Protein backbone atom coordinates (compact mmCIF):
# COMPACT_ATOMS: atom_id res chain seq x y z
CA MET A 1 113.63 72.08 92.96
CA THR A 2 113.92 74.32 96.01
CA GLU A 3 115.60 77.07 94.00
CA LEU A 4 112.98 76.71 91.25
CA ALA A 5 110.13 76.97 93.77
CA HIS A 6 111.81 80.00 95.36
CA PHE A 7 112.13 81.69 91.96
CA GLY A 8 108.51 80.88 91.12
CA GLY A 9 107.30 82.31 94.44
CA ALA A 10 109.34 85.49 93.93
CA THR A 11 107.97 85.90 90.38
CA LEU A 12 104.41 85.44 91.64
CA VAL A 13 104.94 88.08 94.36
CA VAL A 14 106.32 90.61 91.85
CA ALA A 15 103.47 89.97 89.40
CA VAL A 16 100.76 90.27 92.07
CA GLN A 17 102.20 93.41 93.61
CA LEU A 18 102.65 95.12 90.24
CA VAL A 19 99.08 94.35 89.19
CA VAL A 20 97.65 95.42 92.55
CA VAL A 21 99.62 98.67 92.71
CA VAL A 22 99.33 99.75 89.05
CA ALA A 23 95.64 98.90 88.54
CA GLY A 24 94.81 99.78 92.14
CA GLY A 25 96.57 103.15 91.83
CA LEU A 26 94.35 104.20 88.93
CA LEU A 27 91.24 102.97 90.73
CA LEU A 28 92.47 104.80 93.84
CA LEU A 29 92.36 108.09 91.94
CA GLY A 30 88.79 107.26 90.94
CA VAL A 31 87.83 106.51 94.54
CA MET A 32 89.28 109.83 95.74
CA ARG A 33 87.53 111.79 92.99
CA LYS A 34 84.25 110.00 93.69
CA THR A 35 84.55 110.69 97.42
CA ARG A 36 85.17 114.40 96.84
CA SER A 37 82.27 114.59 94.38
CA ARG A 38 79.82 112.95 96.78
CA LEU A 39 80.85 115.17 99.67
CA GLU A 40 80.47 118.24 97.44
CA GLY A 41 76.97 117.20 96.35
CA ARG A 42 77.93 116.04 92.85
CA VAL A 43 77.61 112.67 91.16
CA GLY A 44 81.15 112.67 89.84
CA PRO A 45 82.84 110.34 87.33
CA PRO A 46 82.81 106.57 87.82
CA VAL A 47 85.60 105.01 89.87
CA ARG A 48 87.05 103.32 86.78
CA GLN A 49 87.35 106.62 84.87
CA PRO A 50 91.15 107.06 85.34
CA LEU A 51 91.67 103.55 83.96
CA LEU A 52 89.50 104.38 80.95
CA ASP A 53 91.39 107.65 80.44
CA VAL A 54 94.74 105.85 80.34
CA VAL A 55 93.41 103.33 77.80
CA LYS A 56 92.11 106.21 75.66
CA LEU A 57 95.38 108.14 75.89
CA MET A 58 97.35 105.10 74.74
CA SER A 59 95.43 105.17 71.45
CA LYS A 60 96.02 108.89 70.86
CA GLN A 61 98.75 110.45 68.75
CA ARG A 62 101.97 111.42 70.54
CA VAL A 63 102.77 115.16 70.16
CA ARG A 64 106.08 116.53 71.42
CA PRO A 65 107.59 120.05 71.42
CA SER A 66 109.98 120.66 68.54
CA SER A 67 112.62 122.01 70.93
CA ALA A 68 112.51 119.00 73.27
CA SER A 69 115.29 116.42 73.39
CA GLN A 70 115.44 112.82 74.60
CA VAL A 71 115.29 114.10 78.18
CA PHE A 72 111.64 114.97 77.58
CA VAL A 73 111.00 111.47 76.24
CA ALA A 74 112.82 109.74 79.10
CA GLY A 75 111.02 111.61 81.93
CA PRO A 76 107.79 109.53 82.02
CA VAL A 77 109.71 106.29 81.43
CA VAL A 78 112.02 106.88 84.40
CA LEU A 79 109.06 107.94 86.55
CA VAL A 80 107.18 104.71 85.81
CA ALA A 81 110.29 102.50 86.01
CA THR A 82 111.30 103.72 89.47
CA ALA A 83 107.75 103.34 90.80
CA LEU A 84 107.41 99.83 89.35
CA PHE A 85 110.76 98.72 90.79
CA VAL A 86 109.80 99.77 94.31
CA ALA A 87 106.28 98.36 93.89
CA GLY A 88 107.68 94.96 92.88
CA THR A 89 110.23 94.69 95.70
CA GLY A 90 108.53 96.53 98.59
CA PRO A 91 106.59 94.88 101.45
CA LEU A 92 103.10 95.63 100.15
CA VAL A 93 101.14 92.40 99.74
CA THR A 94 103.63 90.25 101.66
CA SER A 95 106.32 90.92 104.25
CA ASP A 96 108.65 88.56 102.36
CA PRO A 97 109.07 90.23 98.93
CA PRO A 98 111.95 89.56 96.52
CA LEU A 99 115.23 91.27 97.51
CA SER A 100 113.77 91.67 100.99
CA LYS A 101 117.21 91.77 102.59
CA SER A 102 118.25 94.62 100.28
CA THR A 103 115.06 96.69 100.42
CA ASP A 104 116.40 99.57 102.47
CA PHE A 105 114.04 102.45 103.28
CA PHE A 106 116.68 105.08 102.49
CA ALA A 107 117.34 103.45 99.10
CA VAL A 108 113.60 103.46 98.35
CA VAL A 109 113.42 107.19 99.12
CA PHE A 110 116.24 107.98 96.69
CA ILE A 111 114.87 105.72 93.95
CA LEU A 112 111.52 107.52 94.09
CA LEU A 113 113.35 110.86 94.15
CA LEU A 114 115.07 109.85 90.91
CA GLY A 115 111.68 109.66 89.20
CA SER A 116 110.68 113.10 90.48
CA VAL A 117 113.95 114.66 89.29
CA ALA A 118 113.60 113.01 85.87
CA LEU A 119 110.12 114.48 85.41
CA ALA A 120 111.33 117.95 86.51
CA LEU A 121 114.25 117.79 84.05
CA ALA A 122 111.84 116.73 81.31
CA ALA A 123 109.66 119.75 82.07
CA LEU A 124 112.68 122.08 81.91
CA ASP A 125 113.69 120.49 78.60
CA THR A 126 110.58 121.86 76.89
CA GLY A 127 111.73 125.45 77.38
CA THR A 128 108.21 126.71 78.12
CA PRO A 129 107.71 129.16 81.00
CA PHE A 130 104.92 127.29 82.81
CA ALA A 131 106.78 123.96 82.68
CA GLY A 132 109.88 125.64 84.07
CA MET A 133 107.84 127.30 86.79
CA GLY A 134 106.22 123.99 87.75
CA ALA A 135 109.59 122.18 87.78
CA SER A 136 111.13 124.90 89.95
CA ARG A 137 108.26 124.73 92.44
CA ALA A 138 108.28 120.92 92.48
CA MET A 139 112.02 120.79 93.22
CA THR A 140 111.64 123.42 95.94
CA ILE A 141 108.95 121.34 97.61
CA GLY A 142 111.06 118.21 97.10
CA ALA A 143 114.05 119.84 98.78
CA LEU A 144 111.84 120.53 101.80
CA THR A 145 110.08 117.17 101.95
CA GLU A 146 113.11 114.91 101.55
CA PRO A 147 114.74 115.94 104.88
CA ALA A 148 111.41 115.45 106.65
CA LEU A 149 111.01 112.01 105.08
CA LEU A 150 114.56 110.99 105.96
CA VAL A 151 114.23 111.93 109.63
CA ALA A 152 110.87 110.11 109.74
CA VAL A 153 112.61 107.01 108.36
CA LEU A 154 115.35 107.47 110.95
CA ALA A 155 112.72 107.66 113.71
CA LEU A 156 111.40 104.27 112.55
CA SER A 157 114.87 102.76 112.14
CA VAL A 158 116.41 103.69 115.50
CA PRO A 159 114.21 101.45 117.74
CA ALA A 160 114.40 98.54 115.27
CA HIS A 161 118.16 98.95 114.72
CA THR A 162 117.57 98.58 110.99
CA SER A 163 116.22 100.56 108.04
CA ASN A 164 115.16 97.43 106.15
CA LEU A 165 111.52 97.88 105.11
CA PRO A 166 110.31 94.26 105.47
CA ALA A 167 112.03 94.05 108.85
CA LEU A 168 110.21 97.20 110.02
CA VAL A 169 106.87 95.72 108.92
CA ARG A 170 107.58 92.39 110.61
CA GLU A 171 108.58 94.19 113.80
CA GLY A 172 105.18 95.88 113.92
CA LEU A 173 103.48 92.51 113.46
CA SER A 174 105.49 90.77 116.18
CA ASP A 175 105.38 93.63 118.70
CA PRO A 176 102.26 95.85 118.35
CA GLN A 177 103.41 98.02 121.24
CA VAL A 178 106.11 99.42 118.98
CA ILE A 179 103.43 100.88 116.69
CA ALA A 180 101.89 102.81 119.59
CA SER A 181 105.25 104.21 120.73
CA PRO A 182 105.55 108.04 120.73
CA GLY A 183 108.44 107.97 118.28
CA ARG A 184 106.51 106.00 115.65
CA ILE A 185 103.39 108.15 116.08
CA LEU A 186 105.45 111.31 115.47
CA ALA A 187 107.04 109.65 112.45
CA LEU A 188 103.53 108.76 111.21
CA CYS A 189 102.47 112.42 111.33
CA ALA A 190 105.59 113.50 109.43
CA PHE A 191 105.12 110.69 106.89
CA VAL A 192 101.51 111.72 106.18
CA VAL A 193 102.55 115.33 105.47
CA VAL A 194 105.33 114.11 103.18
CA ILE A 195 102.96 111.84 101.23
CA ILE A 196 100.52 114.71 100.71
CA ALA A 197 103.35 116.92 99.44
CA GLU A 198 104.99 114.26 97.25
CA THR A 199 101.73 113.26 95.56
CA GLY A 200 100.53 116.83 94.99
CA ARG A 201 97.42 116.74 97.15
CA LEU A 202 95.75 119.58 99.03
CA PRO A 203 96.81 121.76 100.83
CA VAL A 204 100.22 121.57 99.06
CA ASP A 205 98.89 121.34 95.49
CA ASN A 206 95.48 121.06 93.86
CA PRO A 207 95.40 118.13 91.41
CA SER A 208 92.27 119.47 89.69
CA THR A 209 93.36 123.08 89.20
CA HIS A 210 93.60 124.70 85.77
CA LEU A 211 94.86 128.11 86.89
CA GLU A 212 98.38 128.41 85.50
CA LEU A 213 99.83 130.55 88.27
CA THR A 214 98.88 128.02 91.00
CA MET A 215 99.80 124.79 89.21
CA ILE A 216 102.81 122.77 90.34
CA HIS A 217 102.57 119.19 89.07
CA GLU A 218 100.10 119.95 86.29
CA ALA A 219 102.39 122.71 84.98
CA MET A 220 105.19 120.17 84.51
CA VAL A 221 103.10 117.85 82.35
CA LEU A 222 101.30 120.43 80.18
CA GLU A 223 103.35 119.49 77.11
CA TYR A 224 102.69 115.76 77.37
CA SER A 225 99.97 114.05 75.34
CA GLY A 226 98.89 110.63 74.18
CA PRO A 227 100.96 107.65 75.45
CA ASP A 228 103.43 109.99 77.19
CA LEU A 229 100.66 111.52 79.28
CA ALA A 230 99.33 108.01 79.98
CA LEU A 231 102.74 107.02 81.36
CA VAL A 232 102.81 110.11 83.57
CA THR A 233 99.33 109.29 84.89
CA VAL A 234 100.29 105.68 85.59
CA GLY A 235 103.52 106.75 87.27
CA GLU A 236 101.87 109.28 89.56
CA SER A 237 98.99 106.97 90.50
CA THR A 238 101.42 104.12 91.17
CA ARG A 239 103.50 106.37 93.43
CA LEU A 240 100.36 107.37 95.33
CA ALA A 241 99.27 103.75 95.87
CA LEU A 242 102.83 102.75 96.73
CA LEU A 243 103.38 105.45 99.36
CA LEU A 244 99.97 104.84 100.94
CA GLY A 245 100.67 101.10 100.91
CA LEU A 246 103.97 101.59 102.73
CA LEU A 247 102.24 103.92 105.18
CA VAL A 248 99.49 101.49 106.17
CA ASN A 249 101.83 98.50 106.33
CA LEU A 250 104.27 100.32 108.58
CA PHE A 251 101.64 101.64 110.96
CA VAL A 252 98.74 99.18 110.49
CA PRO A 253 100.54 96.00 109.35
CA TRP A 254 97.78 93.50 110.15
CA GLY A 255 96.53 91.53 107.16
CA ILE A 256 99.79 91.50 105.21
CA ALA A 257 100.86 88.03 104.06
CA SER A 258 103.86 86.41 105.73
CA GLY A 259 104.69 84.01 102.88
CA ARG A 260 104.53 83.71 99.10
CA GLY A 261 101.67 81.25 98.65
CA ALA A 262 98.82 82.07 96.27
CA VAL A 263 96.17 82.03 99.00
CA GLU A 264 98.29 84.20 101.30
CA LEU A 265 98.90 86.70 98.50
CA ALA A 266 95.17 86.84 97.73
CA PHE A 267 94.31 87.68 101.34
CA GLY A 268 97.24 90.12 101.52
CA SER A 269 96.02 91.89 98.37
CA ALA A 270 92.51 92.23 99.80
CA ALA A 271 93.86 93.59 103.10
CA LEU A 272 96.11 96.07 101.30
CA ALA A 273 93.24 97.28 99.10
CA ALA A 274 90.98 97.79 102.13
CA LYS A 275 93.60 99.69 104.15
CA VAL A 276 94.80 101.87 101.27
CA GLY A 277 91.21 102.57 100.22
CA ALA A 278 90.35 103.74 103.73
CA ALA A 279 93.44 105.98 103.79
CA ALA A 280 92.56 107.45 100.39
CA ILE A 281 88.98 108.19 101.45
CA ALA A 282 90.30 109.91 104.58
CA ILE A 283 92.64 112.09 102.49
CA ALA A 284 89.88 112.96 100.00
CA THR A 285 87.55 113.88 102.86
CA PHE A 286 90.24 116.12 104.35
CA GLU A 287 90.71 117.83 100.97
CA VAL A 288 87.05 118.81 100.80
CA PHE A 289 87.37 120.82 104.00
CA THR A 290 90.72 122.47 103.30
CA ALA A 291 92.11 124.98 100.83
CA LYS A 292 95.41 125.19 98.99
CA LEU A 293 98.11 127.01 100.92
CA ARG A 294 99.96 129.90 99.36
CA LEU A 295 103.36 128.96 98.00
CA PHE A 296 105.30 130.95 100.59
CA ARG A 297 103.39 129.18 103.40
CA LEU A 298 104.43 125.69 102.29
CA PRO A 299 107.90 125.85 103.93
CA GLU A 300 106.16 126.32 107.29
CA LEU A 301 104.08 123.16 106.80
CA LEU A 302 107.02 121.08 105.60
CA ALA A 303 109.30 122.45 108.31
CA GLY A 304 106.67 121.31 110.79
CA ALA A 305 106.87 117.80 109.31
CA PHE A 306 110.67 117.90 109.69
CA VAL A 307 110.35 118.93 113.34
CA LEU A 308 107.87 116.11 113.98
CA GLY A 309 110.26 113.61 112.45
CA LEU A 310 113.15 115.02 114.45
CA LEU A 311 111.12 114.77 117.64
CA GLY A 312 110.38 111.17 116.67
CA VAL A 313 114.12 110.48 116.42
CA VAL A 314 114.81 112.09 119.81
CA THR A 315 111.91 110.24 121.41
CA ALA A 316 113.07 106.93 119.94
CA LEU A 317 116.54 107.50 121.39
CA VAL A 318 115.28 108.51 124.84
CA VAL A 319 112.28 106.18 125.30
CA ARG A 320 113.42 102.58 125.00
């Protein structure tokens, strides 16, 4: 009976986190678009519009390039699968998710990177110039952001003597002074820059651009349509909600559930939605007052994130 109850609690956690992250990710895009529209003096689309767009795309006909292989087909599937796996096992709604002892931060980084690489390979598989250009730019940015993200993770792991994600969240809950430490604050700054770069937000990329020569992410998905494009949209929105969820739980962990009960998960879901929504509104507000950087200026920004993460590591080693 104990094993059955444990399995039922783990299944409930996975189900709740997947629903919250997948549906919440699409609504999160709507919130960010609505925020930008209001600040720019426009009415803007309703918050539920991305969800309606995905439903509409699922009913459309699938059109694929004649020169594309199964790599093109597998790209969106791998992107969604990697995001869903991390969303189901990460400390988002509760600090005691399934596989909590095996949820290593470094492993999470590489699993998400697998989805990015799969989408870039799918874009190259089309053989079109704009898709190849977008894939090349995306991998260049990825090669610059991954070291910054890894040193930021290291800055969080050194004081806690572990890179286990639930353990890092629980440490912040049990000892709030750790969150205000210089090392973790520097890691926070580096993590924010990495999230902006990984999710294609301003000033790294403009998610609403239609100018071919400036597109990065949008250039990679130009050839997708129908259900394939719906999968790409779900995958990208899930990654956005997932990364913001990890960010707020690592640096503002209050409100996350400590168990797997239904009531605890309900309160944890509400707390996660409030914190991630506030972070998304802050990012959308920042985007209104900033412009996209030129491509050759991006290494300077991402190198700055790497330096911040490295300073966080040094600070964590010195200040104990």
